[in-house]
Protein backbone atom coordinates (compact mmCIF):
# COMPACT_ATOMS: atom_id res chain seq x y z
CA MET A 1 -26.47 -2.68 -12.75
CA THR A 2 -24.41 -1.02 -10.04
CA LYS A 3 -20.73 -1.92 -9.86
CA THR A 4 -19.47 -2.99 -6.47
CA PHE A 5 -16.04 -1.98 -5.27
CA THR A 6 -13.76 -3.99 -3.01
CA ARG A 7 -11.33 -2.76 -0.37
CA ASN A 8 -8.59 -3.51 -2.86
CA ASP A 9 -10.31 -1.14 -5.32
CA MET A 10 -10.44 1.54 -2.62
CA ILE A 11 -6.72 1.13 -1.93
CA ARG A 12 -5.95 1.30 -5.64
CA TYR A 13 -8.01 4.50 -5.88
CA PHE A 14 -6.26 6.03 -2.86
CA TYR A 15 -2.83 5.37 -4.35
CA SER A 16 -3.93 6.40 -7.89
CA GLU A 17 -3.34 2.91 -9.27
CA MET A 18 -6.64 2.59 -11.15
CA LEU A 19 -7.03 2.98 -14.86
CA PRO A 20 -8.64 6.32 -15.78
CA HIS A 21 -12.07 4.82 -16.50
CA GLU A 22 -11.99 2.84 -13.22
CA SER A 23 -11.09 5.95 -11.29
CA GLU A 24 -13.92 7.91 -12.91
CA ASP A 25 -16.41 5.14 -12.05
CA PHE A 26 -15.20 5.00 -8.47
CA ALA A 27 -15.33 8.78 -8.04
CA ARG A 28 -18.86 8.78 -9.41
CA MET A 29 -19.89 6.09 -6.93
CA LEU A 30 -18.28 8.00 -4.06
CA LYS A 31 -20.56 10.93 -4.84
CA THR A 32 -23.72 8.83 -4.79
CA SER A 33 -23.10 6.11 -2.20
CA PHE A 34 -22.99 7.19 1.42
CA GLN A 35 -21.93 3.69 2.51
CA LEU A 36 -19.03 3.56 0.05
CA ARG A 37 -17.92 7.07 0.97
CA GLU A 38 -18.04 6.24 4.68
CA GLU A 39 -16.02 3.04 4.21
CA PHE A 40 -13.52 4.80 1.93
CA GLU A 41 -12.98 7.64 4.42
CA SER A 42 -12.33 5.13 7.19
CA LEU A 43 -9.88 3.20 5.04
CA LYS A 44 -8.22 6.44 3.90
CA THR A 45 -7.60 7.44 7.52
CA THR A 46 -5.99 4.07 8.17
CA LEU A 47 -3.79 4.30 5.07
CA ILE A 48 -2.63 7.79 6.01
CA HIS A 49 -1.66 6.58 9.50
CA LEU A 50 0.16 3.59 8.03
CA ASP A 51 2.08 5.78 5.60
CA LYS A 52 3.12 8.09 8.44
CA SER A 53 4.26 5.18 10.59
CA MET A 54 6.75 3.91 8.03
CA VAL A 55 10.22 4.63 9.36
CA GLU A 56 13.69 3.66 8.25
CA PRO A 57 15.76 1.42 10.50
CA PRO A 58 18.76 2.92 12.23
CA GLN A 59 21.92 2.90 10.11
CA ARG A 60 23.63 0.46 12.47
CA VAL A 61 20.90 -2.13 11.81
CA THR A 62 21.30 -1.72 8.05
CA ASP A 63 25.08 -2.04 8.45
CA GLN A 64 24.71 -5.23 10.51
CA ILE A 65 22.47 -6.80 7.86
CA LEU A 66 24.90 -5.87 5.09
CA ASP A 67 27.86 -7.20 7.11
CA PHE A 68 26.01 -10.46 7.75
CA SER A 69 25.03 -10.83 4.09
CA GLU A 70 28.67 -10.61 3.00
CA HIS A 71 29.14 -14.08 4.48
CA PHE A 72 26.78 -15.64 1.89
CA ASP A 73 26.93 -16.02 -1.87
CA ARG A 74 24.05 -15.20 -4.21
CA THR A 75 22.41 -18.60 -3.67
CA GLY A 76 22.16 -18.04 0.08
CA GLU A 77 24.89 -20.58 0.83
CA PRO A 78 27.77 -19.66 3.15
CA ALA A 79 30.64 -18.11 1.19
CA VAL A 80 33.79 -20.17 1.10
């Protein structure tokens, strides 16, 4: 019986989050399944673009959030 792989499996493979035997099975399937390889390549392109688009907020935004958070205690209630 042929194992099917989900998009979540493909993402786990891309980020090297699979167990070794899962990764070996997936790599084997990539070699033999044109449909899986095509879908994986498309998803890989998307993941690469997403990773590149991650940016850090400007320091002033981070400072404003930290300043605002000083007005609350650990429970989220306004500090007295």
